[in-house]
Amino acid sequence: MKKSALLAAPALALAALTLPATAAHANGAHAEADSMSFHAELAPVNNSTATGHAAVDVTGQEATVTVEVSGAPALFQGAPYPHAQHIHIGGQGVCAPPSADADGDGAVSSMEGQPWTGGIGTSLTTSGDTSPASAVAIDRFPAGDAYTYQRTFTVDAATLAALQNGTAVVNVHGADPAALSAAAQAKVNPMAPALPLASDIPVACGVLASAQMAVPEGPADTGVEAASPSSDASGLAGAAVLGMLALGAAAVVLRRRTAGGR
C-alpha cells in the first residue's frame, strides 16, 4: 500500500462519520423552518363570558387555523350571532386592557384597542377572502354562542411575520348589546355603520405564542427495544475510530518494514 493512500484513509473515514450527522442536522433544520405552530388561550374581555382556544399551524405559506369558542352571545336581532374573528398584527402583541376605553363608554372597541393588538392582518372567514377587506363580512363568520372553526388558506407575509415575532393577536368580536352601556348602545360599528358598535366589540382575546410541533419518531411501540438514532451515531463513531486506529497501526508497521529493508 502506498504511503499517500494510508494517510488519506483516516481522513476519508472521518468524512464518512461526519456526513450523516451533517445531513441529519440539515434535514432537521429544514423541517423546523418549514413547520411552525402557534397557540392562544382566548380569555373574556369587555365583561363577556366568552372563552376559547386558537391554533395556527403553518407549513410553508399554508396555514391551518382552528378556533374553538364557547360562552359568546348567542343571538343578534333574533338570529344566530355572527362573530367576526381576526388575527391582529402590527401592535404591541397584547390584548387591550380596560384602560384603553378612551371615550369612557365602558367598552373597548377595536379602534381603541389597536395600539395594543394592532390592526387586522387576517380575517378568519369561513369561505372566500381572508384579507382585512373582509373584516366585517358577517355572512362569512361563524355564528352562535359556541362553535368550532377550522380552515386552511395561504397566509400573507405580514401575518406570518407577526406570528414569528410574537405580536399576532386573535380577537373574537360581537358583544351582547344589552350588556353595554347606553352610550355604547347608541354608537355604530366604525367599519360598518349599518351595524351597531356591539358587533365590533371584542368578547375574547388571546396572544398567539410559538409552540413546538411534536412529530412522532420511529416505529410504533411493539415492546421490543430498538436502537435510537443517537445509538446509531455512536456506533458509526466507534467504527470510524477503530478503522482509523487500524489504518494508523498498519502505516506504522509498513514504515518499520521499509526502514528494516534499507
Protein backbone atom coordinates (compact mmCIF):
# COMPACT_ATOMS: atom_id res chain seq x y z
CA MET A 1 0.00 0.00 0.00
CA LYS A 2 1.37 3.43 -0.86
CA LYS A 3 2.09 5.87 1.94
CA SER A 4 -0.23 8.53 0.43
CA ALA A 5 -3.16 6.11 0.41
CA LEU A 6 -2.57 5.23 4.06
CA LEU A 7 -2.55 8.89 5.05
CA ALA A 8 -5.73 9.61 3.07
CA ALA A 9 -7.75 6.69 4.51
CA PRO A 10 -8.24 8.16 8.03
CA ALA A 11 -9.46 11.42 6.51
CA LEU A 12 -11.99 9.51 4.38
CA ALA A 13 -13.18 7.60 7.43
CA LEU A 14 -13.66 10.88 9.32
CA ALA A 15 -15.61 12.35 6.41
CA ALA A 16 -17.85 9.28 6.34
CA LEU A 17 -18.52 9.80 10.03
CA THR A 18 -19.41 13.47 9.77
CA LEU A 19 -21.56 13.39 6.62
CA PRO A 20 -24.57 11.52 8.11
CA ALA A 21 -24.63 13.84 11.14
CA THR A 22 -24.41 16.92 8.92
CA ALA A 23 -27.20 15.68 6.65
CA ALA A 24 -29.44 14.85 9.61
CA HIS A 25 -28.87 18.31 11.09
CA ALA A 26 -29.66 19.98 7.76
CA ASN A 27 -32.85 17.97 7.30
CA GLY A 28 -33.98 18.77 10.83
CA ALA A 29 -33.31 22.47 10.39
CA HIS A 30 -35.23 22.46 7.08
CA ALA A 31 -38.27 20.75 8.64
CA GLU A 32 -38.18 23.12 11.60
CA ALA A 33 -38.07 26.15 9.31
CA ASP A 34 -40.99 24.92 7.20
CA SER A 35 -43.37 23.88 10.02
CA MET A 36 -44.47 26.17 12.84
CA SER A 37 -47.27 26.04 15.36
CA PHE A 38 -48.84 28.85 17.39
CA HIS A 39 -51.46 28.70 20.14
CA ALA A 40 -53.55 31.20 22.09
CA GLU A 41 -55.89 30.82 25.03
CA LEU A 42 -58.85 33.13 24.42
CA ALA A 43 -59.90 34.94 27.58
CA PRO A 44 -63.03 37.07 28.13
CA VAL A 45 -62.73 40.81 27.52
CA ASN A 46 -65.23 43.65 27.83
CA ASN A 47 -67.05 41.86 30.67
CA SER A 48 -68.07 38.96 28.42
CA THR A 49 -68.26 35.26 29.25
CA ALA A 50 -66.63 34.06 26.01
CA THR A 51 -63.61 31.78 26.24
CA GLY A 52 -61.80 29.52 23.82
CA HIS A 53 -58.62 28.40 22.13
CA ALA A 54 -56.95 29.27 18.84
CA ALA A 55 -54.23 27.39 16.96
CA VAL A 56 -52.35 28.28 13.78
CA ASP A 57 -50.26 25.54 12.17
CA VAL A 58 -48.10 26.82 9.33
CA THR A 59 -46.32 24.76 6.69
CA GLY A 60 -44.56 26.92 4.15
CA GLN A 61 -47.13 29.60 3.38
CA GLU A 62 -50.19 27.47 4.13
CA ALA A 63 -51.88 27.99 7.48
CA THR A 64 -54.48 25.78 9.12
CA VAL A 65 -56.37 27.86 11.67
CA THR A 66 -58.56 26.32 14.35
CA VAL A 67 -60.68 28.42 16.70
CA GLU A 68 -62.92 26.99 19.42
CA VAL A 69 -65.25 29.39 21.24
CA SER A 70 -67.92 28.97 23.90
CA GLY A 71 -69.92 31.37 26.03
CA ALA A 72 -70.30 34.02 23.33
CA PRO A 73 -73.59 35.90 22.80
CA ALA A 74 -75.97 33.52 21.04
CA LEU A 75 -78.45 35.75 19.23
CA PHE A 76 -78.43 39.03 17.37
CA GLN A 77 -81.71 40.52 16.17
CA GLY A 78 -83.37 37.11 16.56
CA ALA A 79 -80.79 35.16 14.52
CA PRO A 80 -77.56 33.32 15.43
CA TYR A 81 -75.00 35.99 16.26
CA PRO A 82 -72.19 36.14 13.63
CA HIS A 83 -68.89 36.61 15.44
CA ALA A 84 -66.22 38.33 13.38
CA GLN A 85 -62.78 36.96 14.22
CA HIS A 86 -59.39 38.21 13.14
CA ILE A 87 -55.66 37.88 13.60
CA HIS A 88 -54.46 41.36 14.53
CA ILE A 89 -50.91 42.45 13.73
CA GLY A 90 -48.64 45.48 13.97
CA GLY A 91 -49.30 46.38 17.59
CA GLN A 92 -47.67 45.54 20.90
CA GLY A 93 -48.78 41.93 20.69
CA VAL A 94 -51.06 42.08 23.76
CA CYS A 95 -54.79 42.21 24.36
CA ALA A 96 -56.14 45.69 25.02
CA PRO A 97 -56.64 46.46 28.74
CA PRO A 98 -59.79 48.11 30.16
CA SER A 99 -57.84 51.37 30.39
CA ALA A 100 -57.90 51.51 26.57
CA ASP A 101 -61.51 52.77 26.80
CA ALA A 102 -60.65 56.26 25.59
CA ASP A 103 -64.21 57.58 25.26
CA GLY A 104 -65.37 56.24 28.64
CA ASP A 105 -68.41 54.34 27.34
CA GLY A 106 -67.49 51.23 29.33
CA ALA A 107 -66.28 49.12 26.38
CA VAL A 108 -63.00 48.87 24.47
CA SER A 109 -63.74 48.94 20.76
CA SER A 110 -61.42 47.54 18.10
CA MET A 111 -60.24 51.02 17.21
CA GLU A 112 -59.46 51.84 20.84
CA GLY A 113 -57.57 48.57 21.19
CA GLN A 114 -55.38 48.97 18.10
CA PRO A 115 -52.31 50.39 19.90
CA TRP A 116 -52.17 47.10 21.82
CA THR A 117 -53.48 44.46 19.39
CA GLY A 118 -52.65 46.18 16.13
CA GLY A 119 -54.84 46.32 13.05
CA ILE A 120 -56.47 43.43 11.21
CA GLY A 121 -53.98 41.25 9.37
CA THR A 122 -56.20 38.27 8.54
CA SER A 123 -59.97 37.83 8.61
CA LEU A 124 -60.83 34.32 9.78
CA THR A 125 -63.79 33.89 7.45
CA THR A 126 -65.49 30.58 6.73
CA SER A 127 -65.05 30.98 2.96
CA GLY A 128 -63.69 33.35 0.36
CA ASP A 129 -61.33 36.23 1.03
CA THR A 130 -59.30 36.33 4.27
CA SER A 131 -57.78 39.80 3.88
CA PRO A 132 -58.64 42.88 6.01
CA ALA A 133 -61.19 43.74 3.31
CA SER A 134 -63.42 41.00 4.79
CA ALA A 135 -63.22 42.41 8.32
CA VAL A 136 -66.99 42.84 8.60
CA ALA A 137 -68.22 40.15 6.17
CA ILE A 138 -70.76 39.00 8.77
CA ASP A 139 -72.27 36.40 6.41
CA ARG A 140 -68.90 34.58 6.31
CA PHE A 141 -68.09 34.27 10.01
CA PRO A 142 -69.14 31.51 12.43
CA ALA A 143 -72.26 32.24 14.48
CA GLY A 144 -73.85 31.28 17.78
CA ASP A 145 -72.77 31.02 21.39
CA ALA A 146 -70.36 28.09 20.73
CA TYR A 147 -68.58 26.96 17.59
CA THR A 148 -65.50 25.25 16.19
CA TYR A 149 -63.88 26.85 13.18
CA GLN A 150 -61.17 25.33 11.01
CA ARG A 151 -59.85 26.46 7.67
CA THR A 152 -56.66 26.15 5.61
CA PHE A 153 -55.52 29.04 3.42
CA THR A 154 -52.43 30.90 2.25
CA VAL A 155 -51.20 33.25 4.95
CA ASP A 156 -49.83 36.62 3.86
CA ALA A 157 -46.27 37.73 4.62
CA ALA A 158 -47.27 40.38 7.18
CA THR A 159 -49.31 37.95 9.27
CA LEU A 160 -46.59 35.31 9.04
CA ALA A 161 -44.01 37.82 10.26
CA ALA A 162 -46.25 38.80 13.20
CA LEU A 163 -46.68 35.13 14.13
CA GLN A 164 -42.94 34.61 14.07
CA ASN A 165 -42.11 37.69 16.14
CA GLY A 166 -44.82 37.01 18.72
CA THR A 167 -47.07 40.03 18.06
CA ALA A 168 -50.09 38.29 16.49
CA VAL A 169 -53.33 38.54 18.50
CA VAL A 170 -56.68 36.81 17.95
CA ASN A 171 -59.82 38.84 18.63
CA VAL A 172 -63.35 37.41 18.56
CA HIS A 173 -65.95 40.16 18.21
CA GLY A 174 -69.64 40.57 18.85
CA ALA A 175 -70.88 41.71 22.26
CA ASP A 176 -74.40 41.48 23.64
CA PRO A 177 -75.87 44.97 23.04
CA ALA A 178 -77.97 44.70 26.20
CA ALA A 179 -74.79 44.25 28.25
CA LEU A 180 -73.34 47.56 27.04
CA SER A 181 -73.85 51.00 28.49
CA ALA A 182 -76.47 53.31 26.98
CA ALA A 183 -73.67 55.39 25.45
CA ALA A 184 -72.14 52.35 23.76
CA GLN A 185 -75.54 51.10 22.56
CA ALA A 186 -76.12 54.38 20.76
CA LYS A 187 -72.94 54.05 18.66
CA VAL A 188 -72.35 52.28 15.35
CA ASN A 189 -69.62 49.97 14.11
CA PRO A 190 -66.99 52.36 12.61
CA MET A 191 -66.20 49.84 9.83
CA ALA A 192 -69.86 49.09 9.05
CA PRO A 193 -72.15 51.97 10.09
CA ALA A 194 -75.24 49.87 9.32
CA LEU A 195 -74.32 47.69 12.31
CA PRO A 196 -74.29 48.68 15.97
CA LEU A 197 -70.99 49.14 17.84
CA ALA A 198 -71.74 45.88 19.69
CA SER A 199 -70.79 43.92 16.55
CA ASP A 200 -67.30 45.44 16.72
CA ILE A 201 -66.64 45.00 20.45
CA PRO A 202 -64.18 42.14 21.18
CA VAL A 203 -65.52 39.47 23.54
CA ALA A 204 -62.48 37.15 23.65
CA CYS A 205 -58.81 37.76 23.03
CA GLY A 206 -55.52 35.83 23.10
CA VAL A 207 -51.90 36.23 22.01
CA LEU A 208 -50.57 33.60 19.60
CA ALA A 209 -47.37 32.14 21.06
CA SER A 210 -44.99 29.74 19.34
CA ALA A 211 -45.33 26.09 20.28
CA GLN A 212 -43.02 23.26 19.20
CA MET A 213 -44.80 20.84 16.91
CA ALA A 214 -44.42 17.27 18.18
CA VAL A 215 -43.58 14.84 15.35
CA PRO A 216 -43.62 11.09 16.21
CA GLU A 217 -40.30 9.40 15.54
CA GLY A 218 -39.52 5.75 14.90
CA PRO A 219 -41.83 2.73 14.61
CA ALA A 220 -44.86 2.04 16.75
CA ASP A 221 -44.17 0.64 20.22
CA THR A 222 -44.12 -3.17 19.92
CA GLY A 223 -42.45 -3.89 23.25
CA VAL A 224 -39.12 -4.53 21.54
CA GLU A 225 -36.43 -2.01 22.34
CA ALA A 226 -34.89 -0.57 19.20
CA ALA A 227 -31.67 1.37 18.82
CA SER A 228 -32.17 5.12 18.84
CA PRO A 229 -30.68 7.45 16.22
CA SER A 230 -28.11 8.57 18.80
CA SER A 231 -27.10 4.95 19.34
CA ASP A 232 -26.58 4.57 15.58
CA ALA A 233 -24.46 7.69 15.57
CA SER A 234 -22.38 6.34 18.45
CA GLY A 235 -21.92 3.05 16.59
CA LEU A 236 -20.77 4.89 13.47
CA ALA A 237 -18.36 6.97 15.53
CA GLY A 238 -16.93 3.86 17.20
CA ALA A 239 -16.50 2.05 13.90
CA ALA A 240 -14.81 5.06 12.32
CA VAL A 241 -12.41 5.48 15.25
CA LEU A 242 -11.47 1.77 15.20
CA GLY A 243 -10.93 1.95 11.46
CA MET A 244 -8.69 4.98 11.84
CA LEU A 245 -6.64 3.26 14.58
CA ALA A 246 -6.24 0.12 12.47
CA LEU A 247 -5.11 2.13 9.46
CA GLY A 248 -2.67 4.07 11.60
CA ALA A 249 -1.21 0.86 13.01
CA ALA A 250 -0.80 -0.55 9.51
CA ALA A 251 1.07 2.57 8.47
CA VAL A 252 3.49 2.20 11.40
CA VAL A 253 4.20 -1.46 10.56
CA LEU A 254 4.83 -0.63 6.92
CA ARG A 255 7.23 2.16 7.79
CA ARG A 256 9.18 -0.17 10.10
CA ARG A 257 9.41 -2.86 7.41
CA THR A 258 10.58 -0.33 4.88
CA ALA A 259 13.23 1.01 7.24
CA GLY A 260 14.45 -2.50 8.06
CA GLY A 261 14.83 -3.44 4.40
CA ARG A 262 17.06 -0.47 3.53
